[in-house]
Each structure stands twice: as C-alpha cells, then as structure tokens.
Protein backbone atom coordinates (compact mmCIF):
# COMPACT_ATOMS: atom_id res chain seq x y z
CA GLN A 1 -117.14 10.10 -76.06
CA VAL A 2 -115.02 11.18 -73.13
CA GLN A 3 -111.97 8.99 -72.55
CA LEU A 4 -110.87 8.67 -68.94
CA VAL A 5 -107.41 7.34 -68.15
CA GLU A 6 -106.44 6.12 -64.69
CA SER A 7 -102.91 5.73 -63.43
CA GLY A 8 -101.04 5.24 -60.18
CA GLY A 9 -102.03 1.73 -59.16
CA GLY A 10 -99.52 -0.79 -57.88
CA LEU A 11 -98.43 -3.06 -55.08
CA VAL A 12 -98.13 -1.65 -51.57
CA GLN A 13 -97.84 -2.98 -48.05
CA ALA A 14 -100.64 -2.53 -45.57
CA GLY A 15 -100.41 0.87 -43.95
CA GLY A 16 -98.85 2.41 -47.02
CA SER A 17 -100.12 4.99 -49.48
CA LEU A 18 -100.83 5.38 -53.17
CA ARG A 19 -102.17 8.22 -55.28
CA LEU A 20 -104.39 7.46 -58.23
CA SER A 21 -104.96 9.90 -61.07
CA CYS A 22 -107.83 10.24 -63.51
CA ALA A 23 -107.26 12.38 -66.59
CA ALA A 24 -109.73 13.14 -69.36
CA SER A 25 -108.27 12.67 -72.80
CA GLY A 26 -109.46 15.17 -75.39
CA HIS A 27 -111.98 16.68 -73.03
CA THR A 28 -112.03 19.40 -70.40
CA PHE A 29 -113.97 18.76 -67.24
CA THR A 30 -116.56 21.48 -66.71
CA THR A 31 -119.84 20.33 -65.17
CA GLU A 32 -119.03 16.73 -64.41
CA ALA A 33 -119.13 14.81 -61.19
CA VAL A 34 -116.08 12.56 -61.27
CA HIS A 35 -116.31 9.33 -59.32
CA TRP A 36 -114.02 6.55 -58.20
CA PHE A 37 -115.38 3.02 -57.97
CA ARG A 38 -113.55 -0.20 -57.17
CA GLN A 39 -114.12 -3.86 -57.82
CA ALA A 40 -112.44 -6.55 -55.75
CA PRO A 41 -112.11 -10.12 -57.04
CA GLY A 42 -115.43 -11.91 -56.82
CA LYS A 43 -117.29 -8.84 -55.63
CA GLU A 44 -119.53 -6.22 -57.15
CA ARG A 45 -118.21 -2.83 -58.10
CA GLU A 46 -118.64 -0.34 -55.29
CA PHE A 47 -118.57 3.43 -54.88
CA VAL A 48 -115.45 4.90 -53.29
CA ALA A 49 -115.50 8.68 -53.66
CA ALA A 50 -116.69 11.50 -55.88
CA ILE A 51 -116.09 15.18 -56.49
CA ARG A 52 -118.14 17.74 -58.33
CA TRP A 53 -116.06 19.75 -60.78
CA SER A 54 -117.84 23.09 -60.91
CA VAL A 55 -119.43 23.36 -57.48
CA ASP A 56 -118.52 22.26 -53.98
CA GLY A 57 -119.22 18.66 -53.21
CA ILE A 58 -117.04 15.79 -52.05
CA TYR A 59 -118.38 12.40 -51.06
CA TYR A 60 -116.86 9.23 -49.61
CA SER A 61 -118.03 5.75 -48.83
CA ASP A 62 -117.94 4.74 -45.18
CA ALA A 63 -115.23 2.20 -45.99
CA VAL A 64 -112.69 4.85 -47.01
CA ARG A 65 -113.75 8.03 -45.22
CA GLY A 66 -110.86 9.34 -43.14
CA ARG A 67 -108.26 7.39 -45.11
CA PHE A 68 -108.81 8.46 -48.72
CA THR A 69 -108.92 11.99 -50.09
CA ILE A 70 -110.34 12.98 -53.46
CA SER A 71 -109.20 16.21 -55.08
CA LYS A 72 -108.95 17.91 -58.44
CA ASP A 73 -106.50 20.06 -60.33
CA ASN A 74 -108.33 22.34 -62.73
CA GLY A 75 -105.17 23.28 -64.59
CA LYS A 76 -104.24 19.65 -65.20
CA ASN A 77 -107.83 18.55 -65.80
CA THR A 78 -107.20 15.68 -63.44
CA VAL A 79 -108.86 14.12 -60.42
CA TYR A 80 -106.77 12.42 -57.76
CA LEU A 81 -107.49 9.81 -55.13
CA GLN A 82 -104.95 9.89 -52.32
CA MET A 83 -105.15 6.59 -50.47
CA ASN A 84 -103.53 6.39 -47.05
CA ARG A 85 -103.43 3.68 -44.39
CA LEU A 86 -104.22 1.09 -47.03
CA ARG A 87 -105.59 -2.28 -45.95
CA PRO A 88 -105.62 -5.64 -47.71
CA GLU A 89 -109.37 -5.24 -48.19
CA ASP A 90 -108.68 -2.17 -50.34
CA THR A 91 -107.24 -4.50 -52.98
CA ALA A 92 -109.26 -3.98 -56.15
CA VAL A 93 -109.32 -2.55 -59.63
CA TYR A 94 -110.08 1.15 -59.24
CA TYR A 95 -112.13 2.84 -61.92
CA CYS A 96 -112.68 6.49 -62.70
CA ALA A 97 -116.10 7.42 -64.02
CA SER A 98 -117.99 10.61 -64.79
CA ARG A 99 -121.53 11.85 -65.27
CA PHE A 100 -123.21 15.20 -65.61
CA LEU A 101 -123.29 17.36 -62.51
CA THR A 102 -124.62 15.12 -59.74
CA VAL A 103 -123.07 12.41 -57.62
CA VAL A 104 -124.60 8.97 -57.42
CA THR A 105 -123.24 5.96 -55.61
CA THR A 106 -124.33 3.34 -58.10
CA ASP A 107 -122.30 2.57 -61.19
CA ALA A 108 -125.39 2.38 -63.37
CA GLY A 109 -125.59 6.15 -63.56
CA MET A 110 -122.18 6.82 -65.09
CA ALA A 111 -121.75 8.18 -68.63
CA ASN A 112 -118.02 7.53 -69.05
CA TRP A 113 -115.56 5.00 -67.64
CA GLY A 114 -111.86 4.45 -67.59
CA LYS A 115 -110.30 1.01 -67.98
CA GLY A 116 -109.18 0.81 -64.38
CA THR A 117 -105.95 0.53 -62.45
CA LEU A 118 -105.08 -2.32 -60.12
CA VAL A 119 -104.26 -1.68 -56.48
CA THR A 120 -102.89 -4.60 -54.47
CA VAL A 121 -102.33 -4.27 -50.74
CA ILE A 122 -100.33 -7.00 -49.03
CA SER A 123 -100.17 -7.66 -45.31
C-alpha cells in the first residue's frame, strides 16, 4: 500500500499563495498519475489537477487553470501544487491521490489517497 502524505496547507488571505506537497512514503513514483482533489464543506470532492510521472501530461480543472501549477521533483519523489491568486472558494481539504498511468477526473478511480491538508482562504 502506497502511503501519500500531504503538507503545506494553512490560512491565507485572498490573493495570496500556498504550495502544497505530496510525498510518497516508502514508495518511489514510477508510472503513476498523481492527482490533487479537494473537498469543500458540504460539497463533493472535486478534481483539481494531475500530472503523469513517467510521460508528459498535465491537467487542470477549469476552476484553477491559470492560477494553480502542478509539478514534480523526481529526486525528491514529490508532487507540488503551487496555488496563486487564491480565492475564498478555494477553501477546502486538499487530497493527493495516485493511480496507475492515466489521469481521470473522478475520485472513484484512485488507488491511493493521502489524509488531506486544509487550505483556508479568507477575504
């Protein structure tokens, strides 16, 4: 079982930035597609962004495209989510998840999940 650990959440004012990290404990990313999802209070979990580890492929939801950037560091075995120009509606628990090779935008297709990190954006 792959253990994913998120970090970097916190409280930020609207317009500010945060960088989330997702590290795999005891596992080296090779053929995964690593995703970020988020779940706001009272809402369903939604896709945010994804990156394919071994081949080119970066994907964003319409809600974050142009503001968020997903990237990876092979040496650190870590995926990052740089979040800029944050809005109150970005407030949510952000989850890292992975699956083999392909990107999907529904959480039902994920093989591994982290426990999440809370991002709160105040106006």
